[in-house]
Amino acid sequence: MSRRSSNFRRQNAIRAMSEINVTPLLDLCFCLLIIFIIATPVLEQTTRVDLPVASESVGAPIQTETKYAVVALDRSGRYFFDGEPMLPERLAEEFARISAMPAEAQPVVRVRADGSLMVQQLISLFDLAKSRGLAKVAFDTEITHEAPKP
C-alpha cells in the first residue's frame, strides 16, 4: 500500500514586510504645514522697529478685514515697503500705484516708525503719501497699560 505523504508546509511562508506605513509620516507633514501656515503672518514683519509708546486708550483696534500696506522706517531712516528695502523714489511709485486703485480696494498704509526717529523724517513720509494722493494712512504705536511719560 502506498502511503501518501502529508504536506504540512504553509502555502504562504512568512515573508519580510516590504511596505512602509506612511500614515505617521503624513500626520507629521500636516502638523508642520499647519505650524508654517500659522507662523507665516508673524514672520511678515521682519523689519526691526521700536515703536513709540502710547496709552491703551489711544487709537482704535486694528480690523482684520481691512487690507494693509506696511511702510517701516528703521533707526537709520531707511524705508521698507511690505518688508522690502526701498529708496524714497521707489516708495513714491508704490504710493502712486496704491492711490490709482479704486477707493474700496485701496489698502490702508500703516507707518511703523522707530521711536528714536526725528519728527521731520515722519513728516517727510506723510508729505510723500499726501502728494501721491493717499488718504488712508495710519501710524502704529506700541500700546501700554500706563500713561506715556512726557
N, C-alpha and C. Protein backbone atom coordinates (compact mmCIF):
# COMPACT_ATOMS: atom_id res chain seq x y z
N MET A 1 0.80 -1.15 0.00
CA MET A 1 0.00 0.00 0.00
C MET A 1 0.88 1.25 0.00
N SER A 2 0.55 2.10 -0.84
CA SER A 2 1.37 3.29 -0.89
C SER A 2 0.76 4.35 -0.01
N ARG A 3 1.59 4.86 0.71
CA ARG A 3 1.14 5.87 1.67
C ARG A 3 1.43 7.26 1.11
N ARG A 4 0.48 8.04 1.19
CA ARG A 4 0.66 9.41 0.73
C ARG A 4 1.27 10.24 1.83
N SER A 5 2.24 10.98 1.46
CA SER A 5 2.83 11.83 2.49
C SER A 5 2.05 13.13 2.60
N SER A 6 1.84 13.54 3.81
CA SER A 6 1.10 14.79 4.05
C SER A 6 2.06 15.97 3.96
N ASN A 7 1.60 16.99 3.32
CA ASN A 7 2.39 18.22 3.19
C ASN A 7 1.89 19.22 4.23
N PHE A 8 2.68 19.38 5.29
CA PHE A 8 2.28 20.29 6.36
C PHE A 8 2.87 21.69 6.20
N ARG A 9 3.47 21.96 5.11
CA ARG A 9 4.04 23.28 4.89
C ARG A 9 2.95 24.30 4.62
N ARG A 10 3.22 25.49 5.01
CA ARG A 10 2.28 26.58 4.72
C ARG A 10 2.44 26.98 3.27
N GLN A 11 1.34 27.29 2.69
CA GLN A 11 1.41 27.74 1.31
C GLN A 11 2.08 29.11 1.22
N ASN A 12 1.76 30.01 2.16
CA ASN A 12 2.36 31.36 2.18
C ASN A 12 3.35 31.42 3.33
N ALA A 13 4.58 31.28 2.99
CA ALA A 13 5.60 31.36 4.03
C ALA A 13 5.70 32.79 4.54
N ILE A 14 6.12 32.93 5.76
CA ILE A 14 6.26 34.26 6.35
C ILE A 14 7.37 35.00 5.61
N ARG A 15 7.00 36.17 5.09
CA ARG A 15 7.96 36.98 4.36
C ARG A 15 8.19 38.28 5.11
N ALA A 16 9.30 38.90 4.81
CA ALA A 16 9.61 40.19 5.40
C ALA A 16 8.65 41.23 4.82
N MET A 17 8.18 42.13 5.68
CA MET A 17 7.26 43.16 5.23
C MET A 17 8.03 44.20 4.41
N SER A 18 7.63 44.39 3.18
CA SER A 18 8.37 45.30 2.31
C SER A 18 7.63 46.63 2.11
N GLU A 19 6.58 46.87 2.84
CA GLU A 19 5.81 48.11 2.72
C GLU A 19 6.09 49.00 3.92
N ILE A 20 6.08 50.31 3.68
CA ILE A 20 6.28 51.28 4.75
C ILE A 20 4.95 51.92 5.06
N ASN A 21 4.62 52.00 6.32
CA ASN A 21 3.38 52.66 6.73
C ASN A 21 3.64 54.17 6.74
N VAL A 22 3.00 54.91 5.84
CA VAL A 22 3.25 56.34 5.70
C VAL A 22 2.26 57.19 6.49
N THR A 23 1.33 56.59 7.18
CA THR A 23 0.34 57.37 7.93
C THR A 23 0.98 58.27 8.98
N PRO A 24 1.90 57.79 9.81
CA PRO A 24 2.53 58.72 10.77
C PRO A 24 3.34 59.82 10.08
N LEU A 25 3.94 59.50 8.95
CA LEU A 25 4.70 60.50 8.21
C LEU A 25 3.78 61.58 7.67
N LEU A 26 2.62 61.20 7.16
CA LEU A 26 1.64 62.19 6.68
C LEU A 26 1.12 63.04 7.83
N ASP A 27 0.88 62.44 8.98
CA ASP A 27 0.43 63.22 10.14
C ASP A 27 1.47 64.28 10.52
N LEU A 28 2.72 63.89 10.49
CA LEU A 28 3.80 64.83 10.80
C LEU A 28 3.84 65.96 9.77
N CYS A 29 3.72 65.61 8.50
CA CYS A 29 3.74 66.64 7.44
C CYS A 29 2.58 67.61 7.60
N PHE A 30 1.38 67.13 7.90
CA PHE A 30 0.24 68.01 8.09
C PHE A 30 0.43 68.92 9.30
N CYS A 31 1.00 68.39 10.37
CA CYS A 31 1.27 69.22 11.56
C CYS A 31 2.27 70.33 11.22
N LEU A 32 3.33 69.99 10.50
CA LEU A 32 4.31 71.00 10.11
C LEU A 32 3.69 72.05 9.19
N LEU A 33 2.83 71.61 8.28
CA LEU A 33 2.16 72.53 7.37
C LEU A 33 1.29 73.51 8.15
N ILE A 34 0.56 73.03 9.12
CA ILE A 34 -0.29 73.90 9.94
C ILE A 34 0.56 74.89 10.73
N ILE A 35 1.67 74.44 11.27
CA ILE A 35 2.56 75.33 12.03
C ILE A 35 3.09 76.43 11.12
N PHE A 36 3.50 76.10 9.90
CA PHE A 36 4.01 77.11 8.97
C PHE A 36 2.93 78.07 8.52
N ILE A 37 1.71 77.57 8.34
CA ILE A 37 0.61 78.46 7.96
C ILE A 37 0.33 79.47 9.06
N ILE A 38 0.40 79.04 10.30
CA ILE A 38 0.14 79.95 11.43
C ILE A 38 1.31 80.90 11.63
N ALA A 39 2.54 80.43 11.44
CA ALA A 39 3.72 81.25 11.72
C ALA A 39 4.05 82.24 10.62
N THR A 40 3.60 82.02 9.40
CA THR A 40 3.96 82.90 8.28
C THR A 40 3.53 84.35 8.48
N PRO A 41 2.30 84.64 8.90
CA PRO A 41 1.95 86.06 9.11
C PRO A 41 2.80 86.74 10.17
N VAL A 42 3.24 86.01 11.15
CA VAL A 42 4.08 86.59 12.19
C VAL A 42 5.44 86.98 11.62
N LEU A 43 5.94 86.21 10.68
CA LEU A 43 7.25 86.46 10.09
C LEU A 43 7.24 87.57 9.06
N GLU A 44 6.05 88.06 8.66
CA GLU A 44 5.97 89.11 7.66
C GLU A 44 6.64 90.39 8.12
N GLN A 45 6.52 90.73 9.37
CA GLN A 45 7.08 91.97 9.88
C GLN A 45 8.51 91.73 10.30
N THR A 46 9.40 91.70 9.31
CA THR A 46 10.79 91.37 9.59
C THR A 46 11.64 92.58 9.91
N THR A 47 11.15 93.80 9.64
CA THR A 47 11.91 95.00 9.91
C THR A 47 11.85 95.29 11.40
N ARG A 48 13.01 95.36 12.04
CA ARG A 48 13.07 95.61 13.48
C ARG A 48 12.84 97.09 13.73
N VAL A 49 11.73 97.40 14.39
CA VAL A 49 11.35 98.78 14.68
C VAL A 49 10.89 98.84 16.13
N ASP A 50 11.45 99.77 16.91
CA ASP A 50 10.98 100.02 18.26
C ASP A 50 9.92 101.10 18.17
N LEU A 51 8.67 100.69 18.27
CA LEU A 51 7.56 101.62 18.08
C LEU A 51 7.47 102.61 19.23
N PRO A 52 6.96 103.83 18.95
CA PRO A 52 6.71 104.76 20.04
C PRO A 52 5.61 104.22 20.94
N VAL A 53 5.57 104.67 22.17
CA VAL A 53 4.63 104.14 23.16
C VAL A 53 3.44 105.07 23.28
N ALA A 54 2.24 104.47 23.35
CA ALA A 54 1.01 105.22 23.58
C ALA A 54 0.20 104.49 24.64
N SER A 55 -0.70 105.23 25.31
CA SER A 55 -1.53 104.58 26.31
C SER A 55 -2.58 103.74 25.62
N GLU A 56 -3.22 102.87 26.39
CA GLU A 56 -4.18 101.93 25.84
C GLU A 56 -5.41 102.64 25.26
N SER A 57 -5.75 103.79 25.76
CA SER A 57 -6.95 104.48 25.33
C SER A 57 -6.79 105.18 23.98
N VAL A 58 -5.57 105.29 23.48
CA VAL A 58 -5.33 106.00 22.23
C VAL A 58 -5.51 105.06 21.05
N GLY A 59 -6.26 105.49 20.04
CA GLY A 59 -6.38 104.74 18.79
C GLY A 59 -7.42 103.65 18.84
N ALA A 60 -7.78 103.20 17.66
CA ALA A 60 -8.77 102.14 17.51
C ALA A 60 -8.05 100.82 17.24
N PRO A 61 -8.67 99.70 17.61
CA PRO A 61 -8.03 98.42 17.33
C PRO A 61 -7.97 98.16 15.83
N ILE A 62 -6.97 97.38 15.42
CA ILE A 62 -6.80 97.06 14.01
C ILE A 62 -7.89 96.08 13.60
N GLN A 63 -8.55 96.36 12.48
CA GLN A 63 -9.59 95.49 11.97
C GLN A 63 -8.97 94.47 11.03
N THR A 64 -9.37 93.22 11.17
CA THR A 64 -8.74 92.15 10.40
C THR A 64 -9.21 92.09 8.96
N GLU A 65 -10.40 92.60 8.63
CA GLU A 65 -10.88 92.52 7.26
C GLU A 65 -10.29 93.61 6.37
N THR A 66 -9.65 94.61 6.94
CA THR A 66 -9.05 95.70 6.18
C THR A 66 -7.70 95.25 5.63
N LYS A 67 -7.42 95.65 4.39
CA LYS A 67 -6.12 95.34 3.78
C LYS A 67 -5.13 96.43 4.16
N TYR A 68 -3.89 96.02 4.41
CA TYR A 68 -2.85 96.96 4.84
C TYR A 68 -1.62 96.84 3.95
N ALA A 69 -0.96 97.96 3.77
CA ALA A 69 0.38 98.01 3.19
C ALA A 69 1.26 98.63 4.27
N VAL A 70 2.35 97.99 4.60
CA VAL A 70 3.16 98.43 5.73
C VAL A 70 4.42 99.14 5.23
N VAL A 71 4.62 100.38 5.72
CA VAL A 71 5.83 101.13 5.46
C VAL A 71 6.56 101.24 6.79
N ALA A 72 7.80 100.77 6.83
CA ALA A 72 8.58 100.82 8.07
C ALA A 72 9.79 101.73 7.88
N LEU A 73 10.12 102.44 8.93
CA LEU A 73 11.33 103.26 8.98
C LEU A 73 12.16 102.75 10.14
N ASP A 74 13.38 102.32 9.87
CA ASP A 74 14.22 101.83 10.96
C ASP A 74 15.00 102.99 11.58
N ARG A 75 15.85 102.67 12.54
CA ARG A 75 16.62 103.69 13.27
C ARG A 75 17.46 104.58 12.37
N SER A 76 17.99 104.01 11.31
CA SER A 76 18.86 104.78 10.43
C SER A 76 18.09 105.55 9.36
N GLY A 77 16.75 105.48 9.37
CA GLY A 77 15.94 106.24 8.43
C GLY A 77 15.71 105.55 7.10
N ARG A 78 16.02 104.25 7.00
CA ARG A 78 15.78 103.52 5.75
C ARG A 78 14.31 103.13 5.67
N TYR A 79 13.78 103.16 4.44
CA TYR A 79 12.39 102.82 4.19
C TYR A 79 12.27 101.35 3.80
N PHE A 80 11.20 100.72 4.26
CA PHE A 80 10.86 99.35 3.90
C PHE A 80 9.37 99.34 3.54
N PHE A 81 9.04 98.80 2.38
CA PHE A 81 7.65 98.69 1.96
C PHE A 81 7.29 97.22 1.92
N ASP A 82 6.38 96.79 2.79
CA ASP A 82 6.00 95.38 2.94
C ASP A 82 7.22 94.48 3.10
N GLY A 83 8.19 94.94 3.90
CA GLY A 83 9.37 94.15 4.23
C GLY A 83 10.54 94.30 3.29
N GLU A 84 10.35 94.95 2.14
CA GLU A 84 11.43 95.12 1.18
C GLU A 84 12.05 96.50 1.31
N PRO A 85 13.39 96.62 1.36
CA PRO A 85 14.01 97.93 1.43
C PRO A 85 13.75 98.73 0.15
N MET A 86 13.49 100.02 0.33
CA MET A 86 13.17 100.87 -0.83
C MET A 86 13.78 102.24 -0.67
N LEU A 87 14.12 102.84 -1.81
CA LEU A 87 14.53 104.23 -1.85
C LEU A 87 13.28 105.09 -1.88
N PRO A 88 13.37 106.36 -1.44
CA PRO A 88 12.17 107.21 -1.44
C PRO A 88 11.51 107.34 -2.81
N GLU A 89 12.29 107.33 -3.89
CA GLU A 89 11.71 107.45 -5.24
C GLU A 89 10.84 106.24 -5.56
N ARG A 90 11.33 105.06 -5.21
CA ARG A 90 10.56 103.82 -5.46
C ARG A 90 9.33 103.77 -4.55
N LEU A 91 9.46 104.28 -3.33
CA LEU A 91 8.33 104.33 -2.41
C LEU A 91 7.25 105.26 -2.96
N ALA A 92 7.66 106.37 -3.59
CA ALA A 92 6.70 107.29 -4.21
C ALA A 92 5.94 106.59 -5.33
N GLU A 93 6.63 105.74 -6.09
CA GLU A 93 5.96 104.98 -7.15
C GLU A 93 4.94 104.01 -6.57
N GLU A 94 5.29 103.35 -5.45
CA GLU A 94 4.35 102.43 -4.80
C GLU A 94 3.12 103.19 -4.29
N PHE A 95 3.35 104.36 -3.71
CA PHE A 95 2.23 105.19 -3.24
C PHE A 95 1.33 105.59 -4.41
N ALA A 96 1.93 105.95 -5.54
CA ALA A 96 1.15 106.32 -6.72
C ALA A 96 0.35 105.12 -7.23
N ARG A 97 0.94 103.93 -7.18
CA ARG A 97 0.23 102.72 -7.62
C ARG A 97 -0.97 102.45 -6.72
N ILE A 98 -0.79 102.63 -5.41
CA ILE A 98 -1.89 102.40 -4.47
C ILE A 98 -2.99 103.43 -4.66
N SER A 99 -2.62 104.69 -4.85
CA SER A 99 -3.64 105.74 -5.00
C SER A 99 -4.40 105.61 -6.31
N ALA A 100 -3.84 104.91 -7.31
CA ALA A 100 -4.53 104.69 -8.58
C ALA A 100 -5.61 103.61 -8.47
N MET A 101 -5.61 102.85 -7.39
CA MET A 101 -6.62 101.80 -7.19
C MET A 101 -7.96 102.44 -6.86
N PRO A 102 -9.06 101.71 -7.12
CA PRO A 102 -10.37 102.21 -6.68
C PRO A 102 -10.39 102.39 -5.17
N ALA A 103 -11.16 103.34 -4.69
CA ALA A 103 -11.15 103.70 -3.26
C ALA A 103 -11.44 102.51 -2.35
N GLU A 104 -12.36 101.63 -2.75
CA GLU A 104 -12.71 100.50 -1.88
C GLU A 104 -11.64 99.42 -1.88
N ALA A 105 -10.76 99.41 -2.87
CA ALA A 105 -9.70 98.39 -2.95
C ALA A 105 -8.37 98.89 -2.39
N GLN A 106 -8.27 100.19 -2.09
CA GLN A 106 -7.02 100.73 -1.58
C GLN A 106 -6.72 100.20 -0.18
N PRO A 107 -5.50 99.71 0.04
CA PRO A 107 -5.14 99.30 1.40
C PRO A 107 -4.82 100.53 2.25
N VAL A 108 -4.94 100.36 3.55
CA VAL A 108 -4.51 101.40 4.48
C VAL A 108 -3.00 101.29 4.61
N VAL A 109 -2.30 102.41 4.47
CA VAL A 109 -0.85 102.41 4.60
C VAL A 109 -0.52 102.58 6.08
N ARG A 110 0.06 101.54 6.66
CA ARG A 110 0.45 101.57 8.08
C ARG A 110 1.90 101.98 8.17
N VAL A 111 2.18 103.02 8.93
CA VAL A 111 3.55 103.50 9.12
C VAL A 111 4.06 102.96 10.44
N ARG A 112 5.13 102.16 10.37
CA ARG A 112 5.79 101.62 11.56
C ARG A 112 7.16 102.28 11.64
N ALA A 113 7.25 103.32 12.44
CA ALA A 113 8.50 104.08 12.54
C ALA A 113 9.15 103.84 13.89
N ASP A 114 10.46 103.80 13.88
CA ASP A 114 11.22 103.65 15.12
C ASP A 114 11.00 104.87 15.99
N GLY A 115 10.86 104.67 17.28
CA GLY A 115 10.58 105.75 18.21
C GLY A 115 11.70 106.77 18.34
N SER A 116 12.91 106.42 17.93
CA SER A 116 14.03 107.34 18.07
C SER A 116 14.22 108.24 16.85
N LEU A 117 13.35 108.13 15.85
CA LEU A 117 13.49 108.95 14.64
C LEU A 117 13.12 110.40 14.90
N MET A 118 13.68 111.26 14.10
CA MET A 118 13.34 112.68 14.15
C MET A 118 11.94 112.86 13.56
N VAL A 119 11.20 113.80 14.08
CA VAL A 119 9.84 114.05 13.61
C VAL A 119 9.85 114.45 12.13
N GLN A 120 10.89 115.14 11.69
CA GLN A 120 10.95 115.60 10.31
C GLN A 120 10.92 114.42 9.32
N GLN A 121 11.53 113.30 9.69
CA GLN A 121 11.51 112.14 8.80
C GLN A 121 10.09 111.60 8.64
N LEU A 122 9.31 111.62 9.72
CA LEU A 122 7.92 111.17 9.64
C LEU A 122 7.08 112.16 8.83
N ILE A 123 7.30 113.45 9.03
CA ILE A 123 6.57 114.46 8.28
C ILE A 123 6.88 114.31 6.79
N SER A 124 8.12 114.05 6.44
CA SER A 124 8.50 113.85 5.04
C SER A 124 7.77 112.65 4.44
N LEU A 125 7.65 111.58 5.22
CA LEU A 125 6.94 110.40 4.74
C LEU A 125 5.46 110.70 4.52
N PHE A 126 4.84 111.40 5.48
CA PHE A 126 3.43 111.75 5.33
C PHE A 126 3.22 112.72 4.17
N ASP A 127 4.15 113.65 3.95
CA ASP A 127 4.06 114.56 2.80
C ASP A 127 4.14 113.77 1.49
N LEU A 128 5.01 112.77 1.45
CA LEU A 128 5.16 111.94 0.26
C LEU A 128 3.85 111.20 -0.02
N ALA A 129 3.25 110.65 1.03
CA ALA A 129 1.97 109.93 0.86
C ALA A 129 0.88 110.89 0.41
N LYS A 130 0.82 112.06 1.00
CA LYS A 130 -0.20 113.05 0.65
C LYS A 130 -0.03 113.54 -0.77
N SER A 131 1.22 113.77 -1.20
CA SER A 131 1.47 114.27 -2.56
C SER A 131 1.09 113.24 -3.62
N ARG A 132 1.06 111.96 -3.26
CA ARG A 132 0.66 110.90 -4.20
C ARG A 132 -0.82 110.57 -4.11
N GLY A 133 -1.55 111.30 -3.29
CA GLY A 133 -3.00 111.13 -3.22
C GLY A 133 -3.49 110.09 -2.24
N LEU A 134 -2.67 109.66 -1.32
CA LEU A 134 -3.12 108.68 -0.33
C LEU A 134 -3.86 109.38 0.80
N ALA A 135 -5.01 108.86 1.15
CA ALA A 135 -5.79 109.44 2.23
C ALA A 135 -5.86 108.53 3.45
N LYS A 136 -5.65 107.23 3.24
CA LYS A 136 -5.75 106.27 4.34
C LYS A 136 -4.36 105.91 4.84
N VAL A 137 -3.87 106.66 5.81
CA VAL A 137 -2.55 106.42 6.39
C VAL A 137 -2.72 106.30 7.90
N ALA A 138 -2.16 105.25 8.49
CA ALA A 138 -2.25 105.04 9.93
C ALA A 138 -0.84 104.97 10.51
N PHE A 139 -0.72 105.31 11.76
CA PHE A 139 0.57 105.32 12.44
C PHE A 139 0.52 104.28 13.55
N ASP A 140 1.41 103.29 13.51
CA ASP A 140 1.44 102.22 14.52
C ASP A 140 2.22 102.68 15.74
N THR A 141 1.69 102.31 16.90
CA THR A 141 2.38 102.55 18.16
C THR A 141 2.33 101.30 19.00
N GLU A 142 3.17 101.24 19.99
CA GLU A 142 3.15 100.14 20.96
C GLU A 142 2.22 100.54 22.08
N ILE A 143 1.26 99.70 22.41
CA ILE A 143 0.27 100.06 23.43
C ILE A 143 0.72 99.53 24.78
N THR A 144 0.64 100.42 25.77
CA THR A 144 0.95 100.03 27.15
C THR A 144 -0.30 100.29 27.99
N HIS A 145 -0.29 99.80 29.20
CA HIS A 145 -1.43 99.99 30.09
C HIS A 145 -1.23 101.17 31.04
N GLU A 146 -0.17 101.90 30.84
CA GLU A 146 0.09 103.07 31.67
C GLU A 146 0.24 104.27 30.77
N ALA A 147 0.07 105.45 31.32
CA ALA A 147 0.17 106.68 30.54
C ALA A 147 1.61 106.90 30.09
N PRO A 148 1.81 107.39 28.86
CA PRO A 148 3.17 107.64 28.39
C PRO A 148 3.84 108.74 29.18
N LYS A 149 5.14 108.63 29.29
CA LYS A 149 5.91 109.64 30.03
C LYS A 149 6.21 110.82 29.11
N PRO A 150 6.06 112.04 29.60
CA PRO A 150 6.30 113.22 28.74
C PRO A 150 7.76 113.41 28.41
